[in-house]
């Protein structure tokens, strides 16, 4: 899959999450332990906006019903969701963050 530039590295602080629209897909970009991860923006339970949730200890918590996902893999770590969120490839090159397009 082709890569799309999202933003400069310094636009996403440590332990933060941001929302991006890429080729019609809604993507969450997270920075945790100085690594970048990209996941689908919508919670698989009821479509809550994960970028409006929290990132603590490598876990993203949905603001709607508090479902939890592993930031590294997108797997569910706390109910009510039971389906993982999609994970996208991320690369950091020349001070910018790139993500694979869906």
PDB file of N, CA and C in Angstrom:
ATOM      1  N   UNK A   1       0.837  -1.191   0.000  1.00  0.00           N
ATOM      2  CA  UNK A   1       0.000   0.000   0.000  1.00  0.00           C
ATOM      3  C   UNK A   1       0.876   1.246   0.000  1.00  0.00           C
ATOM      4  N   UNK A   2       0.469   2.269  -0.729  1.00  0.00           N
ATOM      5  CA  UNK A   2       1.235   3.517  -0.718  1.00  0.00           C
ATOM      6  C   UNK A   2       1.150   4.199   0.649  1.00  0.00           C
ATOM      7  N   UNK A   3       2.178   4.970   0.954  1.00  0.00           N
ATOM      8  CA  UNK A   3       2.206   5.713   2.213  1.00  0.00           C
ATOM      9  C   UNK A   3       1.797   7.157   1.972  1.00  0.00           C
ATOM     10  N   UNK A   4       1.085   7.729   2.946  1.00  0.00           N
ATOM     11  CA  UNK A   4       0.634   9.116   2.892  1.00  0.00           C
ATOM     12  C   UNK A   4       1.232   9.850   4.085  1.00  0.00           C
ATOM     13  N   UNK A   5       1.750  11.051   3.829  1.00  0.00           N
ATOM     14  CA  UNK A   5       2.310  11.873   4.909  1.00  0.00           C
ATOM     15  C   UNK A   5       1.174  12.435   5.751  1.00  0.00           C
ATOM     16  N   UNK A   6       1.267  12.229   7.078  1.00  0.00           N
ATOM     17  CA  UNK A   6       0.242  12.758   7.988  1.00  0.00           C
ATOM     18  C   UNK A   6       0.643  14.097   8.583  1.00  0.00           C
ATOM     19  N   UNK A   7       1.855  14.150   9.165  1.00  0.00           N
ATOM     20  CA  UNK A   7       2.253  15.364   9.877  1.00  0.00           C
ATOM     21  C   UNK A   7       3.722  15.275  10.273  1.00  0.00           C
ATOM     22  N   UNK A   8       4.304  16.399  10.685  1.00  0.00           N
ATOM     23  CA  UNK A   8       5.644  16.345  11.266  1.00  0.00           C
ATOM     24  C   UNK A   8       5.603  15.605  12.606  1.00  0.00           C
ATOM     25  N   UNK A   9       6.685  14.946  12.936  1.00  0.00           N
ATOM     26  CA  UNK A   9       6.782  14.175  14.184  1.00  0.00           C
ATOM     27  C   UNK A   9       6.443  15.022  15.402  1.00  0.00           C
ATOM     28  N   UNK A  10       6.920  16.256  15.428  1.00  0.00           N
ATOM     29  CA  UNK A  10       6.739  17.089  16.623  1.00  0.00           C
ATOM     30  C   UNK A  10       5.308  17.620  16.803  1.00  0.00           C
ATOM     31  N   UNK A  11       4.404  17.331  15.870  1.00  0.00           N
ATOM     32  CA  UNK A  11       3.009  17.746  16.032  1.00  0.00           C
ATOM     33  C   UNK A  11       2.200  16.793  16.902  1.00  0.00           C
ATOM     34  N   UNK A  12       2.778  15.647  17.245  1.00  0.00           N
ATOM     35  CA  UNK A  12       2.091  14.691  18.110  1.00  0.00           C
ATOM     36  C   UNK A  12       2.973  14.468  19.339  1.00  0.00           C
ATOM     37  N   UNK A  13       2.613  15.064  20.470  1.00  0.00           N
ATOM     38  CA  UNK A  13       3.420  14.900  21.679  1.00  0.00           C
ATOM     39  C   UNK A  13       3.376  13.466  22.206  1.00  0.00           C
ATOM     40  N   UNK A  14       4.316  13.129  23.045  1.00  0.00           N
ATOM     41  CA  UNK A  14       4.345  11.810  23.696  1.00  0.00           C
ATOM     42  C   UNK A  14       3.036  11.576  24.446  1.00  0.00           C
ATOM     43  N   UNK A  15       2.518  10.356  24.383  1.00  0.00           N
ATOM     44  CA  UNK A  15       1.271   9.945  25.055  1.00  0.00           C
ATOM     45  C   UNK A  15       0.061  10.732  24.580  1.00  0.00           C
ATOM     46  N   UNK A  16       0.039  11.034  23.277  1.00  0.00           N
ATOM     47  CA  UNK A  16      -1.083  11.793  22.705  1.00  0.00           C
ATOM     48  C   UNK A  16      -1.672  11.039  21.524  1.00  0.00           C
ATOM     49  N   UNK A  17      -2.914  11.407  21.180  1.00  0.00           N
ATOM     50  CA  UNK A  17      -3.591  10.842  20.029  1.00  0.00           C
ATOM     51  C   UNK A  17      -4.193  11.967  19.197  1.00  0.00           C
ATOM     52  N   UNK A  18      -4.198  11.758  17.864  1.00  0.00           N
ATOM     53  CA  UNK A  18      -4.764  12.754  16.948  1.00  0.00           C
ATOM     54  C   UNK A  18      -5.574  12.050  15.875  1.00  0.00           C
ATOM     55  N   UNK A  19      -6.498  12.766  15.314  1.00  0.00           N
ATOM     56  CA  UNK A  19      -7.381  12.253  14.262  1.00  0.00           C
ATOM     57  C   UNK A  19      -6.956  12.810  12.903  1.00  0.00           C
ATOM     58  N   UNK A  20      -6.971  11.942  11.881  1.00  0.00           N
ATOM     59  CA  UNK A  20      -6.684  12.350  10.511  1.00  0.00           C
ATOM     60  C   UNK A  20      -7.682  11.673   9.572  1.00  0.00           C
ATOM     61  N   UNK A  21      -7.984  12.335   8.465  1.00  0.00           N
ATOM     62  CA  UNK A  21      -8.753  11.723   7.381  1.00  0.00           C
ATOM     63  C   UNK A  21      -7.783  11.459   6.244  1.00  0.00           C
ATOM     64  N   UNK A  22      -7.731  10.199   5.793  1.00  0.00           N
ATOM     65  CA  UNK A  22      -6.801   9.803   4.739  1.00  0.00           C
ATOM     66  C   UNK A  22      -7.569   9.013   3.690  1.00  0.00           C
ATOM     67  N   UNK A  23      -7.653   9.561   2.483  1.00  0.00           N
ATOM     68  CA  UNK A  23      -8.338   8.873   1.376  1.00  0.00           C
ATOM     69  C   UNK A  23      -9.717   8.373   1.792  1.00  0.00           C
ATOM     70  N   UNK A  24     -10.457   9.174   2.539  1.00  0.00           N
ATOM     71  CA  UNK A  24     -11.796   8.813   2.967  1.00  0.00           C
ATOM     72  C   UNK A  24     -11.862   7.955   4.213  1.00  0.00           C
ATOM     73  N   UNK A  25     -10.714   7.539   4.743  1.00  0.00           N
ATOM     74  CA  UNK A  25     -10.681   6.728   5.967  1.00  0.00           C
ATOM     75  C   UNK A  25     -10.348   7.622   7.156  1.00  0.00           C
ATOM     76  N   UNK A  26     -10.977   7.336   8.287  1.00  0.00           N
ATOM     77  CA  UNK A  26     -10.711   8.068   9.524  1.00  0.00           C
ATOM     78  C   UNK A  26      -9.666   7.282  10.313  1.00  0.00           C
ATOM     79  N   UNK A  27      -8.528   7.926  10.594  1.00  0.00           N
ATOM     80  CA  UNK A  27      -7.392   7.256  11.232  1.00  0.00           C
ATOM     81  C   UNK A  27      -6.992   7.981  12.502  1.00  0.00           C
ATOM     82  N   UNK A  28      -6.684   7.198  13.523  1.00  0.00           N
ATOM     83  CA  UNK A  28      -6.158   7.705  14.778  1.00  0.00           C
ATOM     84  C   UNK A  28      -4.654   7.485  14.756  1.00  0.00           C
ATOM     85  N   UNK A  29      -3.881   8.522  15.047  1.00  0.00           N
ATOM     86  CA  UNK A  29      -2.432   8.405  15.170  1.00  0.00           C
ATOM     87  C   UNK A  29      -2.085   8.609  16.629  1.00  0.00           C
ATOM     88  N   UNK A  30      -1.373   7.639  17.197  1.00  0.00           N
ATOM     89  CA  UNK A  30      -0.993   7.709  18.608  1.00  0.00           C
ATOM     90  C   UNK A  30       0.522   7.686  18.720  1.00  0.00           C
ATOM     91  N   UNK A  31       1.021   8.398  19.721  1.00  0.00           N
ATOM     92  CA  UNK A  31       2.451   8.351  20.038  1.00  0.00           C
ATOM     93  C   UNK A  31       2.567   7.881  21.476  1.00  0.00           C
ATOM     94  N   UNK A  32       3.160   6.714  21.631  1.00  0.00           N
ATOM     95  CA  UNK A  32       3.325   6.126  22.967  1.00  0.00           C
ATOM     96  C   UNK A  32       4.709   5.514  23.051  1.00  0.00           C
ATOM     97  N   UNK A  33       5.416   5.820  24.131  1.00  0.00           N
ATOM     98  CA  UNK A  33       6.800   5.372  24.343  1.00  0.00           C
ATOM     99  C   UNK A  33       7.660   5.699  23.122  1.00  0.00           C
ATOM    100  N   UNK A  34       7.451   6.914  22.599  1.00  0.00           N
ATOM    101  CA  UNK A  34       8.188   7.472  21.466  1.00  0.00           C
ATOM    102  C   UNK A  34       8.064   6.653  20.183  1.00  0.00           C
ATOM    103  N   UNK A  35       7.002   5.873  20.064  1.00  0.00           N
ATOM    104  CA  UNK A  35       6.680   5.140  18.841  1.00  0.00           C
ATOM    105  C   UNK A  35       5.324   5.626  18.343  1.00  0.00           C
ATOM    106  N   UNK A  36       5.112   5.532  17.039  1.00  0.00           N
ATOM    107  CA  UNK A  36       3.848   5.948  16.444  1.00  0.00           C
ATOM    108  C   UNK A  36       3.038   4.725  16.018  1.00  0.00           C
ATOM    109  N   UNK A  37       1.734   4.795  16.231  1.00  0.00           N
ATOM    110  CA  UNK A  37       0.809   3.722  15.869  1.00  0.00           C
ATOM    111  C   UNK A  37      -0.403   4.342  15.199  1.00  0.00           C
ATOM    112  N   UNK A  38      -0.934   3.672  14.182  1.00  0.00           N
ATOM    113  CA  UNK A  38      -2.122   4.159  13.475  1.00  0.00           C
ATOM    114  C   UNK A  38      -3.195   3.074  13.505  1.00  0.00           C
ATOM    115  N   UNK A  39      -4.379   3.479  13.929  1.00  0.00           N
ATOM    116  CA  UNK A  39      -5.520   2.575  14.039  1.00  0.00           C
ATOM    117  C   UNK A  39      -6.742   3.236  13.417  1.00  0.00           C
ATOM    118  N   UNK A  40      -7.750   2.436  13.158  1.00  0.00           N
ATOM    119  CA  UNK A  40      -9.025   2.984  12.720  1.00  0.00           C
ATOM    120  C   UNK A  40      -9.566   3.896  13.818  1.00  0.00           C
ATOM    121  N   UNK A  41     -10.126   5.021  13.444  1.00  0.00           N
ATOM    122  CA  UNK A  41     -10.625   6.033  14.387  1.00  0.00           C
ATOM    123  C   UNK A  41     -11.878   5.608  15.143  1.00  0.00           C
ATOM    124  N   UNK A  42     -12.696   4.757  14.546  1.00  0.00           N
ATOM    125  CA  UNK A  42     -14.001   4.431  15.126  1.00  0.00           C
ATOM    126  C   UNK A  42     -13.957   3.172  15.977  1.00  0.00           C
ATOM    127  N   UNK A  43     -14.508   3.263  17.178  1.00  0.00           N
ATOM    128  CA  UNK A  43     -14.634   2.108  18.071  1.00  0.00           C
ATOM    129  C   UNK A  43     -15.522   1.065  17.387  1.00  0.00           C
ATOM    130  N   UNK A  44     -15.161  -0.201  17.523  1.00  0.00           N
ATOM    131  CA  UNK A  44     -15.928  -1.267  16.882  1.00  0.00           C
ATOM    132  C   UNK A  44     -17.207  -1.612  17.638  1.00  0.00           C
ATOM    133  N   UNK A  45     -17.421  -1.004  18.790  1.00  0.00           N
ATOM    134  CA  UNK A  45     -18.655  -1.256  19.547  1.00  0.00           C
ATOM    135  C   UNK A  45     -19.814  -0.448  18.972  1.00  0.00           C
ATOM    136  N   UNK A  46     -19.717   0.867  19.023  1.00  0.00           N
ATOM    137  CA  UNK A  46     -20.796   1.741  18.528  1.00  0.00           C
ATOM    138  C   UNK A  46     -20.274   2.906  17.686  1.00  0.00           C
ATOM    139  N   UNK A  47     -19.012   2.832  17.258  1.00  0.00           N
ATOM    140  CA  UNK A  47     -18.473   3.866  16.379  1.00  0.00           C
ATOM    141  C   UNK A  47     -17.993   5.118  17.073  1.00  0.00           C
ATOM    142  N   UNK A  48     -17.722   5.029  18.357  1.00  0.00           N
ATOM    143  CA  UNK A  48     -17.232   6.190  19.102  1.00  0.00           C
ATOM    144  C   UNK A  48     -15.910   6.694  18.548  1.00  0.00           C
ATOM    145  N   UNK A  49     -15.645   7.999  18.671  1.00  0.00           N
ATOM    146  CA  UNK A  49     -14.419   8.612  18.162  1.00  0.00           C
ATOM    147  C   UNK A  49     -13.237   8.356  19.105  1.00  0.00           C
ATOM    148  N   UNK A  50     -12.411   7.382  18.785  1.00  0.00           N
ATOM    149  CA  UNK A  50     -11.318   7.002  19.683  1.00  0.00           C
ATOM    150  C   UNK A  50     -10.321   8.139  19.927  1.00  0.00           C
ATOM    151  N   UNK A  51     -10.163   9.041  18.953  1.00  0.00           N
ATOM    152  CA  UNK A  51      -9.216  10.145  19.156  1.00  0.00           C
ATOM    153  C   UNK A  51      -9.699  11.128  20.222  1.00  0.00           C
ATOM    154  N   UNK A  52     -10.959  11.040  20.616  1.00  0.00           N
ATOM    155  CA  UNK A  52     -11.478  11.881  21.705  1.00  0.00           C
ATOM    156  C   UNK A  52     -11.391  11.154  23.046  1.00  0.00           C
ATOM    157  N   UNK A  53     -10.875   9.939  23.018  1.00  0.00           N
ATOM    158  CA  UNK A  53     -10.701   9.159  24.245  1.00  0.00           C
ATOM    159  C   UNK A  53      -9.360   9.456  24.894  1.00  0.00           C
ATOM    160  N   UNK A  54      -8.889   8.493  25.674  1.00  0.00           N
ATOM    161  CA  UNK A  54      -7.627   8.675  26.390  1.00  0.00           C
ATOM    162  C   UNK A  54      -6.631   7.593  25.998  1.00  0.00           C
ATOM    163  N   UNK A  55      -5.349   7.906  26.185  1.00  0.00           N
ATOM    164  CA  UNK A  55      -4.260   6.960  25.980  1.00  0.00           C
ATOM    165  C   UNK A  55      -3.473   6.881  27.272  1.00  0.00           C
ATOM    166  N   UNK A  56      -3.566   5.740  27.926  1.00  0.00           N
ATOM    167  CA  UNK A  56      -2.839   5.532  29.185  1.00  0.00           C
ATOM    168  C   UNK A  56      -2.288   4.122  29.211  1.00  0.00           C
ATOM    169  N   UNK A  57      -1.003   3.992  29.512  1.00  0.00           N
ATOM    170  CA  UNK A  57      -0.385   2.679  29.620  1.00  0.00           C
ATOM    171  C   UNK A  57      -0.475   1.852  28.357  1.00  0.00           C
ATOM    172  N   UNK A  58      -0.497   2.498  27.205  1.00  0.00           N
ATOM    173  CA  UNK A  58      -0.580   1.783  25.935  1.00  0.00           C
ATOM    174  C   UNK A  58      -1.979   1.329  25.579  1.00  0.00           C
ATOM    175  N   UNK A  59      -2.989   1.841  26.282  1.00  0.00           N
ATOM    176  CA  UNK A  59      -4.384   1.456  26.044  1.00  0.00           C
ATOM    177  C   UNK A  59      -5.198   2.697  25.694  1.00  0.00           C
ATOM    178  N   UNK A  60      -5.932   2.604  24.585  1.00  0.00           N
ATOM    179  CA  UNK A  60      -6.842   3.673  24.184  1.00  0.00           C
ATOM    180  C   UNK A  60      -8.226   3.326  24.710  1.00  0.00           C
ATOM    181  N   UNK A  61      -8.840   4.274  25.411  1.00  0.00           N
ATOM    182  CA  UNK A  61     -10.188   4.072  25.955  1.00  0.00           C
ATOM    183  C   UNK A  61     -11.176   4.951  25.204  1.00  0.00           C
ATOM    184  N   UNK A  62     -12.228   4.329  24.687  1.00  0.00           N
ATOM    185  CA  UNK A  62     -13.271   5.044  23.951  1.00  0.00           C
ATOM    186  C   UNK A  62     -14.049   5.946  24.917  1.00  0.00           C
ATOM    187  N   UNK A  63     -14.351   7.178  24.498  1.00  0.00           N
ATOM    188  CA  UNK A  63     -15.075   8.088  25.381  1.00  0.00           C
ATOM    189  C   UNK A  63     -16.562   7.755  25.534  1.00  0.00           C
ATOM    190  N   UNK A  64     -17.129   6.933  24.669  1.00  0.00           N
ATOM    191  CA  UNK A  64     -18.562   6.660  24.732  1.00  0.00           C
ATOM    192  C   UNK A  64     -18.922   5.586  25.744  1.00  0.00           C
ATOM    193  N   UNK A  65     -18.364   4.399  25.599  1.00  0.00           N
ATOM    194  CA  UNK A  65     -18.737   3.293  26.489  1.00  0.00           C
ATOM    195  C   UNK A  65     -17.530   2.657  27.166  1.00  0.00           C
ATOM    196  N   UNK A  66     -16.375   3.316  27.041  1.00  0.00           N
ATOM    197  CA  UNK A  66     -15.146   2.952  27.750  1.00  0.00           C
ATOM    198  C   UNK A  66     -14.539   1.624  27.313  1.00  0.00           C
ATOM    199  N   UNK A  67     -14.835   1.195  26.082  1.00  0.00           N
ATOM    200  CA  UNK A  67     -14.139   0.050  25.510  1.00  0.00           C
ATOM    201  C   UNK A  67     -12.663   0.388  25.385  1.00  0.00           C
ATOM    202  N   UNK A  68     -11.809  -0.625  25.451  1.00  0.00           N
ATOM    203  CA  UNK A  68     -10.368  -0.383  25.445  1.00  0.00           C
ATOM    204  C   UNK A  68      -9.663  -1.222  24.382  1.00  0.00           C
ATOM    205  N   UNK A  69      -8.650  -0.585  23.757  1.00  0.00           N
ATOM    206  CA  UNK A  69      -7.885  -1.212  22.692  1.00  0.00           C
ATOM    207  C   UNK A  69      -6.390  -1.026  22.935  1.00  0.00           C
ATOM    208  N   UNK A  70      -5.614  -2.056  22.607  1.00  0.00           N
ATOM    209  CA  UNK A  70      -4.155  -1.982  22.679  1.00  0.00           C
ATOM    210  C   UNK A  70      -3.675  -1.076  21.549  1.00  0.00           C
ATOM    211  N   UNK A  71      -2.914  -0.059  21.880  1.00  0.00           N
ATOM    212  CA  UNK A  71      -2.476   0.913  20.882  1.00  0.00           C
ATOM    213  C   UNK A  71      -1.526   0.285  19.864  1.00  0.00           C
ATOM    214  N   UNK A  72      -0.777  -0.729  20.255  1.00  0.00           N
ATOM    215  CA  UNK A  72       0.194  -1.356  19.353  1.00  0.00           C
ATOM    216  C   UNK A  72      -0.463  -2.279  18.331  1.00  0.00           C
ATOM    217  N   UNK A  73      -1.524  -2.966  18.724  1.00  0.00           N
ATOM    218  CA  UNK A  73      -2.106  -4.007  17.867  1.00  0.00           C
ATOM    219  C   UNK A  73      -3.535  -3.737  17.424  1.00  0.00           C
ATOM    220  N   UNK A  74      -4.247  -2.886  18.146  1.00  0.00           N
ATOM    221  CA  UNK A  74      -5.658  -2.647  17.872  1.00  0.00           C
ATOM    222  C   UNK A  74      -6.574  -3.680  18.506  1.00  0.00           C
ATOM    223  N   UNK A  75      -6.001  -4.658  19.226  1.00  0.00           N
ATOM    224  CA  UNK A  75      -6.830  -5.703  19.840  1.00  0.00           C
ATOM    225  C   UNK A  75      -7.613  -5.157  21.031  1.00  0.00           C
ATOM    226  N   UNK A  76      -8.738  -5.780  21.300  1.00  0.00           N
ATOM    227  CA  UNK A  76      -9.595  -5.390  22.416  1.00  0.00           C
ATOM    228  C   UNK A  76      -8.951  -5.849  23.722  1.00  0.00           C
ATOM    229  N   UNK A  77      -8.878  -4.931  24.694  1.00  0.00           N
ATOM    230  CA  UNK A  77      -8.371  -5.290  26.024  1.00  0.00           C
ATOM    231  C   UNK A  77      -9.399  -5.018  27.111  1.00  0.00           C
ATOM    232  N   UNK A  78     -10.542  -4.438  26.733  1.00  0.00           N
ATOM    233  CA  UNK A  78     -11.615  -4.189  27.698  1.00  0.00           C
ATOM    234  C   UNK A  78     -12.944  -4.018  26.990  1.00  0.00           C
ATOM    235  N   UNK A  79     -14.006  -4.677  27.491  1.00  0.00           N
ATOM    236  CA  UNK A  79     -15.319  -4.600  26.862  1.00  0.00           C
ATOM    237  C   UNK A  79     -15.943  -3.209  27.039  1.00  0.00           C
ATOM    238  N   UNK A  80     -16.968  -2.925  26.220  1.00  0.00           N
ATOM    239  CA  UNK A  80     -17.865  -3.830  25.530  1.00  0.00           C
ATOM    240  C   UNK A  80     -17.466  -4.285  24.128  1.00  0.00           C
ATOM    241  N   UNK A  81     -16.521  -3.657  23.392  1.00  0.00           N
ATOM    242  CA  UNK A  81     -16.249  -4.174  22.052  1.00  0.00           C
ATOM    243  C   UNK A  81     -15.640  -5.579  22.103  1.00  0.00           C
ATOM    244  N   UNK A  82     -15.865  -6.332  21.025  1.00  0.00           N
ATOM    245  CA  UNK A  82     -15.231  -7.643  20.938  1.00  0.00           C
ATOM    246  C   UNK A  82     -14.444  -7.798  19.642  1.00  0.00           C
ATOM    247  N   UNK A  83     -14.558  -6.823  18.738  1.00  0.00           N
ATOM    248  CA  UNK A  83     -13.795  -6.816  17.487  1.00  0.00           C
ATOM    249  C   UNK A  83     -12.644  -5.827  17.613  1.00  0.00           C
ATOM    250  N   UNK A  84     -11.452  -6.182  17.138  1.00  0.00           N
ATOM    251  CA  UNK A  84     -10.331  -5.238  17.158  1.00  0.00           C
ATOM    252  C   UNK A  84     -10.568  -4.104  16.161  1.00  0.00           C
ATOM    253  N   UNK A  85      -9.826  -3.020  16.323  1.00  0.00           N
ATOM    254  CA  UNK A  85      -9.840  -1.960  15.321  1.00  0.00           C
ATOM    255  C   UNK A  85      -8.705  -2.240  14.332  1.00  0.00           C
ATOM    256  N   UNK A  86      -8.886  -1.760  13.114  1.00  0.00           N
ATOM    257  CA  UNK A  86      -7.883  -1.987  12.074  1.00  0.00           C
ATOM    258  C   UNK A  86      -6.601  -1.243  12.402  1.00  0.00           C
ATOM    259  N   UNK A  87      -5.478  -1.886  12.138  1.00  0.00           N
ATOM    260  CA  UNK A  87      -4.160  -1.286  12.340  1.00  0.00           C
ATOM    261  C   UNK A  87      -3.568  -0.957  10.977  1.00  0.00           C
ATOM    262  N   UNK A  88      -2.851   0.172  10.887  1.00  0.00           N
ATOM    263  CA  UNK A  88      -2.205   0.597   9.653  1.00  0.00           C
ATOM    264  C   UNK A  88      -0.695   0.684   9.859  1.00  0.00           C
ATOM    265  N   UNK A  89       0.029   0.446   8.794  1.00  0.00           N
ATOM    266  CA  UNK A  89       1.490   0.560   8.839  1.00  0.00           C
ATOM    267  C   UNK A  89       1.885   2.027   9.021  1.00  0.00           C
ATOM    268  N   UNK A  90       2.890   2.260   9.869  1.00  0.00           N
ATOM    269  CA  UNK A  90       3.396   3.615  10.111  1.00  0.00           C
ATOM    270  C   UNK A  90       4.898   3.626   9.875  1.00  0.00           C
ATOM    271  N   UNK A  91       5.369   4.697   9.236  1.00  0.00           N
ATOM    272  CA  UNK A  91       6.809   4.910   9.069  1.00  0.00           C
ATOM    273  C   UNK A  91       7.127   6.352   9.428  1.00  0.00           C
ATOM    274  N   UNK A  92       8.313   6.531   9.996  1.00  0.00           N
ATOM    275  CA  UNK A  92       8.801   7.878  10.288  1.00  0.00           C
ATOM    276  C   UNK A  92      10.036   8.084   9.415  1.00  0.00           C
ATOM    277  N   UNK A  93       9.979   9.111   8.573  1.00  0.00           N
ATOM    278  CA  UNK A  93      11.081   9.420   7.669  1.00  0.00           C
ATOM    279  C   UNK A  93      11.268  10.927   7.586  1.00  0.00           C
ATOM    280  N   UNK A  94      12.505  11.366   7.690  1.00  0.00           N
ATOM    281  CA  UNK A  94      12.840  12.782   7.539  1.00  0.00           C
ATOM    282  C   UNK A  94      11.979  13.689   8.409  1.00  0.00           C
ATOM    283  N   UNK A  95      11.717  13.261   9.655  1.00  0.00           N
ATOM    284  CA  UNK A  95      10.987  14.086  10.603  1.00  0.00           C
ATOM    285  C   UNK A  95       9.494  14.144  10.393  1.00  0.00           C
ATOM    286  N   UNK A  96       8.956  13.248   9.559  1.00  0.00           N
ATOM    287  CA  UNK A  96       7.514  13.225   9.302  1.00  0.00           C
ATOM    288  C   UNK A  96       6.964  11.820   9.523  1.00  0.00           C
ATOM    289  N   UNK A  97       5.654  11.760   9.822  1.00  0.00           N
ATOM    290  CA  UNK A  97       4.964  10.490  10.045  1.00  0.00           C
ATOM    291  C   UNK A  97       4.144  10.156   8.800  1.00  0.00           C
ATOM    292  N   UNK A  98       4.315   8.935   8.301  1.00  0.00           N
ATOM    293  CA  UNK A  98       3.594   8.442   7.136  1.00  0.00           C
ATOM    294  C   UNK A  98       2.766   7.223   7.557  1.00  0.00           C
ATOM    295  N   UNK A  99       1.627   7.028   6.898  1.00  0.00           N
ATOM    296  CA  UNK A  99       0.761   5.878   7.195  1.00  0.00           C
ATOM    297  C   UNK A  99       0.345   5.228   5.880  1.00  0.00           C
ATOM    298  N   UNK A 100       0.178   3.898   5.921  1.00  0.00           N
ATOM    299  CA  UNK A 100      -0.310   3.190   4.733  1.00  0.00           C
ATOM    300  C   UNK A 100      -1.755   3.599   4.482  1.00  0.00           C
ATOM    301  N   UNK A 101      -2.107   3.755   3.223  1.00  0.00           N
ATOM    302  CA  UNK A 101      -3.478   4.151   2.904  1.00  0.00           C
ATOM    303  C   UNK A 101      -4.375   2.928   2.864  1.00  0.00           C
ATOM    304  N   UNK A 102      -5.565   3.078   3.393  1.00  0.00           N
ATOM    305  CA  UNK A 102      -6.496   1.947   3.394  1.00  0.00           C
ATOM    306  C   UNK A 102      -7.011   1.635   1.999  1.00  0.00           C
TER     307      UNK A 102
END
